[in-house]
Protein backbone atom coordinates (compact mmCIF):
# COMPACT_ATOMS: atom_id res chain seq x y z
CA MET A 1 -24.49 -6.98 -3.59
CA ASN A 2 -20.80 -6.99 -4.46
CA GLU A 3 -18.74 -7.75 -1.33
CA TYR A 4 -16.53 -4.68 -1.86
CA VAL A 5 -19.49 -2.33 -2.25
CA HIS A 6 -21.07 -3.81 0.87
CA GLU A 7 -17.81 -3.42 2.85
CA PHE A 8 -17.36 0.16 1.61
CA ILE A 9 -20.88 1.06 2.72
CA SER A 10 -20.29 -0.53 6.11
CA LEU A 11 -17.08 1.51 6.48
CA LEU A 12 -19.09 4.68 5.90
CA ASP A 13 -21.80 3.62 8.35
CA ASP A 14 -19.47 2.80 11.26
CA GLU A 15 -19.69 5.15 14.21
CA PRO A 16 -16.72 5.85 16.49
CA GLY A 17 -16.85 3.93 19.74
CA ASN A 18 -18.66 0.91 18.32
CA GLY A 19 -16.71 -2.28 18.97
CA ASN A 20 -13.01 -2.75 19.41
CA ALA A 21 -11.16 0.09 17.64
CA LYS A 22 -8.03 -1.98 16.99
CA THR A 23 -10.06 -4.77 15.38
CA LEU A 24 -11.96 -2.24 13.27
CA ILE A 25 -8.75 -0.59 12.04
CA GLU A 26 -7.10 -3.92 11.26
CA GLY A 27 -10.19 -5.03 9.34
CA ARG A 28 -10.14 -1.85 7.28
CA GLN A 29 -6.43 -2.26 6.56
CA HIS A 30 -6.99 -5.82 5.31
CA PHE A 31 -9.94 -4.66 3.22
CA LEU A 32 -7.94 -1.88 1.57
CA ALA A 33 -4.92 -4.17 1.00
CA ASP A 34 -7.24 -6.68 -0.65
CA ILE A 35 -8.55 -4.03 -3.04
CA LEU A 36 -5.05 -2.79 -3.87
CA ASP A 37 -3.90 -6.33 -4.57
CA LYS A 38 -6.74 -6.91 -7.04
CA VAL A 39 -6.32 -3.79 -9.17
CA GLY A 40 -4.36 -4.26 -12.38
CA VAL A 41 -1.90 -1.43 -11.76
CA LEU A 42 1.31 -1.01 -9.80
CA VAL A 43 0.72 0.43 -6.32
CA VAL A 44 3.70 1.48 -4.21
CA VAL A 45 3.02 3.40 -0.97
CA LEU A 46 5.89 5.37 0.55
CA ASP A 47 6.46 7.00 3.93
CA LEU A 48 7.66 10.60 4.23
CA GLU A 49 11.30 9.54 3.78
CA GLY A 50 10.59 7.65 0.56
CA ASN A 51 10.74 4.19 2.11
CA ILE A 52 8.32 1.55 0.86
CA VAL A 53 5.51 0.69 3.27
CA TYR A 54 3.25 -1.17 0.82
CA PHE A 55 3.83 -2.94 -2.50
CA ASN A 56 0.84 -4.63 -4.15
CA GLN A 57 0.86 -7.99 -5.94
CA LYS A 58 1.13 -6.40 -9.40
CA SER A 59 4.24 -4.51 -8.21
CA GLU A 60 5.68 -7.78 -6.95
CA ARG A 61 5.11 -9.54 -10.28
CA VAL A 62 6.52 -6.71 -12.42
CA SER A 63 9.56 -5.93 -10.24
CA GLY A 64 10.39 -9.44 -9.09
CA TYR A 65 10.57 -8.25 -5.46
CA SER A 66 8.22 -9.33 -2.68
CA LEU A 67 6.75 -6.87 -0.16
CA LYS A 68 8.87 -8.56 2.51
CA GLU A 69 12.03 -7.82 0.50
CA VAL A 70 11.27 -4.14 -0.15
CA LYS A 71 9.39 -3.00 2.95
CA GLY A 72 11.32 -0.24 4.73
CA LYS A 73 13.78 0.26 1.86
CA CYS A 74 14.14 3.45 -0.15
CA PHE A 75 12.27 3.21 -3.44
CA CYS A 76 15.03 5.17 -5.20
CA THR A 77 17.67 2.51 -4.77
CA LEU A 78 15.35 -0.37 -5.65
CA LEU A 79 13.21 0.92 -8.46
CA LEU A 80 15.14 3.67 -10.25
CA LYS A 81 18.16 3.63 -12.51
CA SER A 82 21.27 4.83 -10.66
CA GLU A 83 21.59 7.86 -12.94
CA TYR A 84 18.29 9.27 -11.59
CA ILE A 85 18.78 8.63 -7.87
CA THR A 86 20.73 11.80 -7.00
CA GLU A 87 18.27 14.03 -8.82
CA ILE A 88 15.23 12.39 -7.22
CA LYS A 89 16.77 12.60 -3.73
CA LEU A 90 17.35 16.34 -4.22
CA ILE A 91 13.68 16.81 -5.06
CA TRP A 92 12.44 14.46 -2.35
C-alpha cells in the first residue's frame, strides 16, 4: 500500500487519548508538510494577518526565497508588485 494512503488511513483511525498528543500532532504536521512539498504546485499558507507560515519547496524554487527567509513576513511585500500592495491590504 502507498505510504501516504496508509498514513492517511491511520490518521482517520486514531482515537483521542491514545499515545502522546504532542508526538501525534507533530507527526501529522510532518506528514502534511511532506505531502505539500511533493505536490507540483505553489503552496503558501498565511496567518490571519497575511504573514507567511508555510512555503513549500515548489514555492521556494519559483520565488528564490527559502521558508526560513519568508516565514513571518507579509506575503504582500514579498510576492506582489508594489502597485498592488495598497489595494490588497485594503481588501485583506
